């Protein structure tokens, strides 16, 4: 499993557990990159994967937010 898939799965688990709820903003790419010790590209890929799964929505100039189910 790739790093971005692991990160996406971790965030998905947080959403499923209710730690992150609909409308919550995900941490910035830079913050997540520094906190997890991965590149910004890895975080972008994880966020794009979550968006493809319908779990998050990108808002231009605002960031990524947990999607309503």
PDB file of N, CA and C in Angstrom:
ATOM      1  N   UNK A   1       0.848  -1.177   0.000  1.00  0.00           N
ATOM      2  CA  UNK A   1       0.000   0.000   0.000  1.00  0.00           C
ATOM      3  C   UNK A   1       0.896   1.243   0.000  1.00  0.00           C
ATOM      4  N   UNK A   2       0.525   2.220  -0.790  1.00  0.00           N
ATOM      5  CA  UNK A   2       1.326   3.436  -0.885  1.00  0.00           C
ATOM      6  C   UNK A   2       1.049   4.362   0.298  1.00  0.00           C
ATOM      7  N   UNK A   3       1.934   5.323   0.488  1.00  0.00           N
ATOM      8  CA  UNK A   3       1.772   6.267   1.600  1.00  0.00           C
ATOM      9  C   UNK A   3       0.487   7.076   1.469  1.00  0.00           C
ATOM     10  N   UNK A   4       0.175   7.505   0.241  1.00  0.00           N
ATOM     11  CA  UNK A   4      -1.033   8.316   0.095  1.00  0.00           C
ATOM     12  C   UNK A   4      -2.281   7.481   0.362  1.00  0.00           C
ATOM     13  N   UNK A   5      -2.249   6.190   0.011  1.00  0.00           N
ATOM     14  CA  UNK A   5      -3.390   5.324   0.310  1.00  0.00           C
ATOM     15  C   UNK A   5      -3.533   5.121   1.818  1.00  0.00           C
ATOM     16  N   UNK A   6      -2.409   4.962   2.509  1.00  0.00           N
ATOM     17  CA  UNK A   6      -2.442   4.818   3.970  1.00  0.00           C
ATOM     18  C   UNK A   6      -3.020   6.070   4.619  1.00  0.00           C
ATOM     19  N   UNK A   7      -2.571   7.232   4.156  1.00  0.00           N
ATOM     20  CA  UNK A   7      -3.072   8.494   4.694  1.00  0.00           C
ATOM     21  C   UNK A   7      -4.567   8.635   4.427  1.00  0.00           C
ATOM     22  N   UNK A   8      -4.993   8.345   3.211  1.00  0.00           N
ATOM     23  CA  UNK A   8      -6.416   8.423   2.866  1.00  0.00           C
ATOM     24  C   UNK A   8      -7.232   7.463   3.728  1.00  0.00           C
ATOM     25  N   UNK A   9      -6.725   6.256   3.933  1.00  0.00           N
ATOM     26  CA  UNK A   9      -7.432   5.280   4.762  1.00  0.00           C
ATOM     27  C   UNK A   9      -7.527   5.751   6.214  1.00  0.00           C
ATOM     28  N   UNK A  10      -6.462   6.383   6.730  1.00  0.00           N
ATOM     29  CA  UNK A  10      -6.486   6.915   8.095  1.00  0.00           C
ATOM     30  C   UNK A  10      -7.553   7.998   8.236  1.00  0.00           C
ATOM     31  N   UNK A  11      -7.617   8.887   7.253  1.00  0.00           N
ATOM     32  CA  UNK A  11      -8.611   9.963   7.300  1.00  0.00           C
ATOM     33  C   UNK A  11     -10.015   9.381   7.152  1.00  0.00           C
ATOM     34  N   UNK A  12     -10.169   8.405   6.269  1.00  0.00           N
ATOM     35  CA  UNK A  12     -11.475   7.758   6.103  1.00  0.00           C
ATOM     36  C   UNK A  12     -11.920   7.105   7.413  1.00  0.00           C
ATOM     37  N   UNK A  13     -10.998   6.478   8.124  1.00  0.00           N
ATOM     38  CA  UNK A  13     -11.321   5.859   9.412  1.00  0.00           C
ATOM     39  C   UNK A  13     -11.752   6.918  10.428  1.00  0.00           C
ATOM     40  N   UNK A  14     -11.114   8.087  10.400  1.00  0.00           N
ATOM     41  CA  UNK A  14     -11.498   9.179  11.303  1.00  0.00           C
ATOM     42  C   UNK A  14     -12.901   9.680  10.985  1.00  0.00           C
ATOM     43  N   UNK A  15     -13.244   9.702   9.711  1.00  0.00           N
ATOM     44  CA  UNK A  15     -14.589  10.115   9.307  1.00  0.00           C
ATOM     45  C   UNK A  15     -15.607   9.072   9.773  1.00  0.00           C
ATOM     46  N   UNK A  16     -15.297   7.799   9.551  1.00  0.00           N
ATOM     47  CA  UNK A  16     -16.209   6.717   9.938  1.00  0.00           C
ATOM     48  C   UNK A  16     -16.419   6.670  11.451  1.00  0.00           C
ATOM     49  N   UNK A  17     -15.372   7.006  12.218  1.00  0.00           N
ATOM     50  CA  UNK A  17     -15.455   6.968  13.678  1.00  0.00           C
ATOM     51  C   UNK A  17     -16.114   8.221  14.258  1.00  0.00           C
ATOM     52  N   UNK A  18     -16.384   9.205  13.407  1.00  0.00           N
ATOM     53  CA  UNK A  18     -17.015  10.427  13.882  1.00  0.00           C
ATOM     54  C   UNK A  18     -16.047  11.457  14.427  1.00  0.00           C
ATOM     55  N   UNK A  19     -14.758  11.185  14.305  1.00  0.00           N
ATOM     56  CA  UNK A  19     -13.750  12.159  14.742  1.00  0.00           C
ATOM     57  C   UNK A  19     -13.815  13.383  13.832  1.00  0.00           C
ATOM     58  N   UNK A  20     -13.985  13.128  12.541  1.00  0.00           N
ATOM     59  CA  UNK A  20     -14.206  14.193  11.560  1.00  0.00           C
ATOM     60  C   UNK A  20     -15.653  14.083  11.097  1.00  0.00           C
ATOM     61  N   UNK A  21     -16.362  15.196  11.121  1.00  0.00           N
ATOM     62  CA  UNK A  21     -17.782  15.192  10.761  1.00  0.00           C
ATOM     63  C   UNK A  21     -18.026  16.036   9.522  1.00  0.00           C
ATOM     64  N   UNK A  22     -19.187  15.849   8.926  1.00  0.00           N
ATOM     65  CA  UNK A  22     -19.561  16.610   7.732  1.00  0.00           C
ATOM     66  C   UNK A  22     -19.369  18.100   7.989  1.00  0.00           C
ATOM     67  N   UNK A  23     -18.684  18.747   7.066  1.00  0.00           N
ATOM     68  CA  UNK A  23     -18.430  20.177   7.173  1.00  0.00           C
ATOM     69  C   UNK A  23     -17.112  20.531   7.832  1.00  0.00           C
ATOM     70  N   UNK A  24     -16.489  19.573   8.524  1.00  0.00           N
ATOM     71  CA  UNK A  24     -15.195  19.839   9.154  1.00  0.00           C
ATOM     72  C   UNK A  24     -14.133  20.060   8.084  1.00  0.00           C
ATOM     73  N   UNK A  25     -13.251  21.008   8.351  1.00  0.00           N
ATOM     74  CA  UNK A  25     -12.148  21.276   7.427  1.00  0.00           C
ATOM     75  C   UNK A  25     -10.989  20.343   7.747  1.00  0.00           C
ATOM     76  N   UNK A  26     -10.427  19.741   6.702  1.00  0.00           N
ATOM     77  CA  UNK A  26      -9.233  18.928   6.894  1.00  0.00           C
ATOM     78  C   UNK A  26      -8.044  19.860   7.113  1.00  0.00           C
ATOM     79  N   UNK A  27      -7.025  19.388   7.816  1.00  0.00           N
ATOM     80  CA  UNK A  27      -5.824  20.213   7.989  1.00  0.00           C
ATOM     81  C   UNK A  27      -5.219  20.565   6.626  1.00  0.00           C
ATOM     82  N   UNK A  28      -4.514  21.673   6.576  1.00  0.00           N
ATOM     83  CA  UNK A  28      -3.904  22.099   5.317  1.00  0.00           C
ATOM     84  C   UNK A  28      -2.918  21.043   4.821  1.00  0.00           C
ATOM     85  N   UNK A  29      -2.660  21.090   3.538  1.00  0.00           N
ATOM     86  CA  UNK A  29      -1.704  20.161   2.940  1.00  0.00           C
ATOM     87  C   UNK A  29      -0.343  20.326   3.614  1.00  0.00           C
ATOM     88  N   UNK A  30       0.085  21.554   3.808  1.00  0.00           N
ATOM     89  CA  UNK A  30       1.387  21.811   4.432  1.00  0.00           C
ATOM     90  C   UNK A  30       1.441  21.254   5.854  1.00  0.00           C
ATOM     91  N   UNK A  31       0.396  21.509   6.631  1.00  0.00           N
ATOM     92  CA  UNK A  31       0.361  21.027   8.015  1.00  0.00           C
ATOM     93  C   UNK A  31       0.402  19.497   8.057  1.00  0.00           C
ATOM     94  N   UNK A  32      -0.421  18.856   7.241  1.00  0.00           N
ATOM     95  CA  UNK A  32      -0.462  17.396   7.216  1.00  0.00           C
ATOM     96  C   UNK A  32       0.871  16.825   6.752  1.00  0.00           C
ATOM     97  N   UNK A  33       1.467  17.468   5.766  1.00  0.00           N
ATOM     98  CA  UNK A  33       2.766  17.035   5.253  1.00  0.00           C
ATOM     99  C   UNK A  33       3.822  17.055   6.355  1.00  0.00           C
ATOM    100  N   UNK A  34       3.871  18.150   7.096  1.00  0.00           N
ATOM    101  CA  UNK A  34       4.862  18.278   8.170  1.00  0.00           C
ATOM    102  C   UNK A  34       4.568  17.310   9.312  1.00  0.00           C
ATOM    103  N   UNK A  35       3.300  17.190   9.680  1.00  0.00           N
ATOM    104  CA  UNK A  35       2.916  16.339  10.805  1.00  0.00           C
ATOM    105  C   UNK A  35       3.154  14.860  10.517  1.00  0.00           C
ATOM    106  N   UNK A  36       2.886  14.444   9.284  1.00  0.00           N
ATOM    107  CA  UNK A  36       3.014  13.026   8.928  1.00  0.00           C
ATOM    108  C   UNK A  36       4.380  12.666   8.351  1.00  0.00           C
ATOM    109  N   UNK A  37       5.202  13.678   8.076  1.00  0.00           N
ATOM    110  CA  UNK A  37       6.531  13.409   7.529  1.00  0.00           C
ATOM    111  C   UNK A  37       6.501  12.891   6.106  1.00  0.00           C
ATOM    112  N   UNK A  38       5.550  13.400   5.323  1.00  0.00           N
ATOM    113  CA  UNK A  38       5.436  13.009   3.916  1.00  0.00           C
ATOM    114  C   UNK A  38       5.464  14.269   3.061  1.00  0.00           C
ATOM    115  N   UNK A  39       5.609  14.098   1.767  1.00  0.00           N
ATOM    116  CA  UNK A  39       5.645  15.252   0.872  1.00  0.00           C
ATOM    117  C   UNK A  39       4.244  15.829   0.676  1.00  0.00           C
ATOM    118  N   UNK A  40       4.205  17.082   0.260  1.00  0.00           N
ATOM    119  CA  UNK A  40       2.922  17.721  -0.047  1.00  0.00           C
ATOM    120  C   UNK A  40       2.215  16.967  -1.170  1.00  0.00           C
ATOM    121  N   UNK A  41       2.976  16.443  -2.108  1.00  0.00           N
ATOM    122  CA  UNK A  41       2.398  15.676  -3.210  1.00  0.00           C
ATOM    123  C   UNK A  41       1.646  14.448  -2.691  1.00  0.00           C
ATOM    124  N   UNK A  42       2.195  13.793  -1.683  1.00  0.00           N
ATOM    125  CA  UNK A  42       1.538  12.628  -1.086  1.00  0.00           C
ATOM    126  C   UNK A  42       0.210  13.024  -0.462  1.00  0.00           C
ATOM    127  N   UNK A  43       0.196  14.158   0.233  1.00  0.00           N
ATOM    128  CA  UNK A  43      -1.036  14.633   0.865  1.00  0.00           C
ATOM    129  C   UNK A  43      -2.066  14.992  -0.207  1.00  0.00           C
ATOM    130  N   UNK A  44      -1.640  15.689  -1.261  1.00  0.00           N
ATOM    131  CA  UNK A  44      -2.560  16.017  -2.351  1.00  0.00           C
ATOM    132  C   UNK A  44      -3.174  14.753  -2.938  1.00  0.00           C
ATOM    133  N   UNK A  45      -2.352  13.743  -3.168  1.00  0.00           N
ATOM    134  CA  UNK A  45      -2.871  12.492  -3.727  1.00  0.00           C
ATOM    135  C   UNK A  45      -3.890  11.854  -2.794  1.00  0.00           C
ATOM    136  N   UNK A  46      -3.617  11.881  -1.498  1.00  0.00           N
ATOM    137  CA  UNK A  46      -4.554  11.316  -0.523  1.00  0.00           C
ATOM    138  C   UNK A  46      -5.868  12.091  -0.537  1.00  0.00           C
ATOM    139  N   UNK A  47      -5.788  13.420  -0.558  1.00  0.00           N
ATOM    140  CA  UNK A  47      -6.995  14.242  -0.571  1.00  0.00           C
ATOM    141  C   UNK A  47      -7.780  14.036  -1.867  1.00  0.00           C
ATOM    142  N   UNK A  48      -7.076  13.909  -2.995  1.00  0.00           N
ATOM    143  CA  UNK A  48      -7.759  13.640  -4.268  1.00  0.00           C
ATOM    144  C   UNK A  48      -8.458  12.283  -4.226  1.00  0.00           C
ATOM    145  N   UNK A  49      -7.809  11.296  -3.618  1.00  0.00           N
ATOM    146  CA  UNK A  49      -8.414   9.970  -3.497  1.00  0.00           C
ATOM    147  C   UNK A  49      -9.677  10.034  -2.642  1.00  0.00           C
ATOM    148  N   UNK A  50      -9.611  10.762  -1.538  1.00  0.00           N
ATOM    149  CA  UNK A  50     -10.792  10.923  -0.684  1.00  0.00           C
ATOM    150  C   UNK A  50     -11.911  11.651  -1.422  1.00  0.00           C
ATOM    151  N   UNK A  51     -11.535  12.606  -2.259  1.00  0.00           N
ATOM    152  CA  UNK A  51     -12.537  13.316  -3.057  1.00  0.00           C
ATOM    153  C   UNK A  51     -13.183  12.356  -4.058  1.00  0.00           C
ATOM    154  N   UNK A  52     -12.382  11.502  -4.675  1.00  0.00           N
ATOM    155  CA  UNK A  52     -12.906  10.520  -5.630  1.00  0.00           C
ATOM    156  C   UNK A  52     -13.837   9.523  -4.934  1.00  0.00           C
ATOM    157  N   UNK A  53     -13.564   9.231  -3.674  1.00  0.00           N
ATOM    158  CA  UNK A  53     -14.413   8.325  -2.895  1.00  0.00           C
ATOM    159  C   UNK A  53     -15.683   9.020  -2.406  1.00  0.00           C
ATOM    160  N   UNK A  54     -15.773  10.330  -2.622  1.00  0.00           N
ATOM    161  CA  UNK A  54     -16.951  11.078  -2.200  1.00  0.00           C
ATOM    162  C   UNK A  54     -16.955  11.444  -0.729  1.00  0.00           C
ATOM    163  N   UNK A  55     -15.800  11.357  -0.082  1.00  0.00           N
ATOM    164  CA  UNK A  55     -15.729  11.622   1.356  1.00  0.00           C
ATOM    165  C   UNK A  55     -15.383  13.061   1.689  1.00  0.00           C
ATOM    166  N   UNK A  56     -14.698  13.738   0.782  1.00  0.00           N
ATOM    167  CA  UNK A  56     -14.353  15.144   1.007  1.00  0.00           C
ATOM    168  C   UNK A  56     -14.666  15.948  -0.247  1.00  0.00           C
ATOM    169  N   UNK A  57     -14.783  17.242  -0.061  1.00  0.00           N
ATOM    170  CA  UNK A  57     -15.007  18.172  -1.165  1.00  0.00           C
ATOM    171  C   UNK A  57     -13.960  19.269  -1.076  1.00  0.00           C
ATOM    172  N   UNK A  58     -13.420  19.626  -2.224  1.00  0.00           N
ATOM    173  CA  UNK A  58     -12.468  20.733  -2.280  1.00  0.00           C
ATOM    174  C   UNK A  58     -13.244  22.018  -2.522  1.00  0.00           C
ATOM    175  N   UNK A  59     -12.896  23.048  -1.777  1.00  0.00           N
ATOM    176  CA  UNK A  59     -13.462  24.376  -2.004  1.00  0.00           C
ATOM    177  C   UNK A  59     -12.312  25.282  -2.398  1.00  0.00           C
ATOM    178  N   UNK A  60     -12.432  25.856  -3.572  1.00  0.00           N
ATOM    179  CA  UNK A  60     -11.364  26.691  -4.098  1.00  0.00           C
ATOM    180  C   UNK A  60     -10.986  27.783  -3.102  1.00  0.00           C
ATOM    181  N   UNK A  61      -9.698  27.889  -2.855  1.00  0.00           N
ATOM    182  CA  UNK A  61      -9.111  28.884  -1.952  1.00  0.00           C
ATOM    183  C   UNK A  61      -9.536  28.730  -0.495  1.00  0.00           C
ATOM    184  N   UNK A  62     -10.196  27.617  -0.172  1.00  0.00           N
ATOM    185  CA  UNK A  62     -10.630  27.394   1.210  1.00  0.00           C
ATOM    186  C   UNK A  62     -10.070  26.117   1.808  1.00  0.00           C
ATOM    187  N   UNK A  63      -9.835  25.110   0.976  1.00  0.00           N
ATOM    188  CA  UNK A  63      -9.297  23.852   1.471  1.00  0.00           C
ATOM    189  C   UNK A  63     -10.217  22.683   1.188  1.00  0.00           C
ATOM    190  N   UNK A  64     -10.024  21.637   1.974  1.00  0.00           N
ATOM    191  CA  UNK A  64     -10.792  20.404   1.821  1.00  0.00           C
ATOM    192  C   UNK A  64     -11.681  20.218   3.040  1.00  0.00           C
ATOM    193  N   UNK A  65     -12.933  19.809   2.779  1.00  0.00           N
ATOM    194  CA  UNK A  65     -13.922  19.660   3.837  1.00  0.00           C
ATOM    195  C   UNK A  65     -14.576  18.291   3.739  1.00  0.00           C
ATOM    196  N   UNK A  66     -14.943  17.734   4.891  1.00  0.00           N
ATOM    197  CA  UNK A  66     -15.641  16.451   4.918  1.00  0.00           C
ATOM    198  C   UNK A  66     -17.009  16.654   4.275  1.00  0.00           C
ATOM    199  N   UNK A  67     -17.335  15.778   3.346  1.00  0.00           N
ATOM    200  CA  UNK A  67     -18.600  15.868   2.611  1.00  0.00           C
ATOM    201  C   UNK A  67     -19.752  15.355   3.466  1.00  0.00           C
ATOM    202  N   UNK A  68     -20.928  15.905   3.222  1.00  0.00           N
ATOM    203  CA  UNK A  68     -22.143  15.403   3.869  1.00  0.00           C
ATOM    204  C   UNK A  68     -22.497  14.068   3.233  1.00  0.00           C
ATOM    205  N   UNK A  69     -23.002  13.174   4.011  1.00  0.00           N
ATOM    206  CA  UNK A  69     -23.367  11.853   3.482  1.00  0.00           C
ATOM    207  C   UNK A  69     -24.832  11.778   3.206  1.00  0.00           C
TER     208      UNK A  69
END
